[in-house]
Amino acid sequence: MKTPQMENFDKAFKSLGDPQNRPTEEEKKRNTSELSDRRKALLVPASKELILSTGVTEAELMRKTGGDMSQIIVWATQIYMKKSDEIRKNINSEK
């Protein structure tokens, strides 16, 4: 079962599809697969929450990422994928 932090991370990513959070015409013109800073900012709170839930301190988070939104999101995504894999393995071992 997903942790509350994982659920919030899921919701944050899903919120990118909300009409007010979709890429603007200007953002689309940049023709890049990278999220705009505006859209990254939507993911950072849930990303930080997920990272901190693993026992990492705020100071360690800032030291490792330098506060860079992309690095925070990537780190949180790695944690999310690892936890999802662990959950999947536990479910399969219970069958």
Protein backbone atom coordinates (compact mmCIF):
# COMPACT_ATOMS: atom_id res chain seq x y z
CA MET A 1 0.00 0.00 0.00
CA LYS A 2 1.28 3.46 -0.88
CA THR A 3 2.32 5.83 1.87
CA PRO A 4 0.48 9.17 2.23
CA GLN A 5 3.59 10.87 0.84
CA MET A 6 3.49 8.63 -2.23
CA GLU A 7 -0.21 9.42 -2.69
CA ASN A 8 0.54 13.16 -2.51
CA PHE A 9 3.36 12.74 -5.04
CA ASP A 10 0.90 10.94 -7.35
CA LYS A 11 -1.66 13.72 -6.94
CA ALA A 12 0.95 16.38 -7.69
CA PHE A 13 1.88 14.69 -10.97
CA LYS A 14 -1.76 14.19 -11.89
CA SER A 15 -2.41 17.88 -11.19
CA LEU A 16 -0.12 18.74 -14.11
CA GLY A 17 -3.00 17.63 -16.33
CA ASP A 18 -5.45 20.09 -14.75
CA PRO A 19 -6.43 22.88 -17.18
CA GLN A 20 -4.76 25.63 -15.14
CA ASN A 21 -1.52 23.61 -14.91
CA ARG A 22 -1.14 22.55 -18.52
CA PRO A 23 1.70 24.06 -20.55
CA THR A 24 1.01 27.55 -21.82
CA GLU A 25 1.47 28.39 -25.50
CA GLU A 26 4.76 30.05 -24.62
CA GLU A 27 5.93 26.95 -22.75
CA LYS A 28 4.95 24.75 -25.70
CA LYS A 29 6.95 26.94 -28.10
CA ARG A 30 10.15 26.14 -26.22
CA ASN A 31 9.82 22.66 -27.70
CA THR A 32 11.56 20.88 -24.83
CA SER A 33 10.53 17.86 -22.80
CA GLU A 34 11.64 19.58 -19.58
CA LEU A 35 8.91 20.99 -17.38
CA SER A 36 8.74 24.75 -17.01
CA ASP A 37 9.71 26.24 -13.65
CA ARG A 38 6.04 27.03 -13.06
CA ARG A 39 5.10 23.37 -13.45
CA LYS A 40 8.12 22.10 -11.50
CA ALA A 41 7.05 24.32 -8.61
CA LEU A 42 3.80 22.32 -8.44
CA LEU A 43 5.77 19.12 -7.84
CA VAL A 44 8.39 20.38 -5.38
CA PRO A 45 6.29 20.39 -2.15
CA ALA A 46 5.17 16.77 -2.61
CA SER A 47 8.67 15.81 -3.75
CA LYS A 48 10.24 17.30 -0.63
CA GLU A 49 7.63 15.62 1.55
CA LEU A 50 8.43 12.23 0.00
CA ILE A 51 12.19 12.71 0.39
CA LEU A 52 11.88 13.88 4.00
CA SER A 53 9.65 10.88 4.81
CA THR A 54 12.68 8.63 4.27
CA GLY A 55 14.51 10.22 7.19
CA VAL A 56 16.53 12.72 5.17
CA THR A 57 16.80 16.09 6.92
CA GLU A 58 15.93 19.39 5.29
CA ALA A 59 19.61 20.38 5.58
CA GLU A 60 20.73 17.20 3.81
CA LEU A 61 18.11 17.73 1.12
CA MET A 62 19.40 21.24 0.46
CA ARG A 63 23.02 20.12 0.57
CA LYS A 64 22.47 17.32 -1.96
CA THR A 65 20.26 19.29 -4.35
CA GLY A 66 21.31 22.88 -3.77
CA GLY A 67 17.59 23.63 -3.80
CA ASP A 68 17.44 22.83 -7.54
CA MET A 69 13.84 21.92 -8.37
CA SER A 70 14.83 19.39 -11.05
CA GLN A 71 17.18 17.53 -8.71
CA ILE A 72 14.55 17.45 -5.96
CA ILE A 73 11.94 16.03 -8.35
CA VAL A 74 14.36 13.45 -9.78
CA TRP A 75 15.38 12.30 -6.29
CA ALA A 76 11.75 12.01 -5.22
CA THR A 77 10.92 10.08 -8.39
CA GLN A 78 13.72 7.61 -7.66
CA ILE A 79 12.39 7.12 -4.11
CA TYR A 80 8.85 6.71 -5.44
CA MET A 81 9.94 4.08 -7.97
CA LYS A 82 11.97 2.18 -5.34
CA LYS A 83 9.09 2.20 -2.85
CA SER A 84 6.61 1.16 -5.55
CA ASP A 85 8.88 -1.75 -6.48
CA GLU A 86 9.14 -2.80 -2.81
CA ILE A 87 5.35 -2.65 -2.44
CA ARG A 88 4.90 -4.73 -5.61
CA LYS A 89 7.39 -7.35 -4.35
CA ASN A 90 5.61 -7.55 -0.97
CA ILE A 91 2.23 -8.01 -2.64
CA ASN A 92 3.60 -10.73 -4.92
CA SER A 93 5.28 -12.54 -2.02
CA GLU A 94 1.97 -12.61 -0.12
CA LYS A 95 0.18 -14.40 -2.97
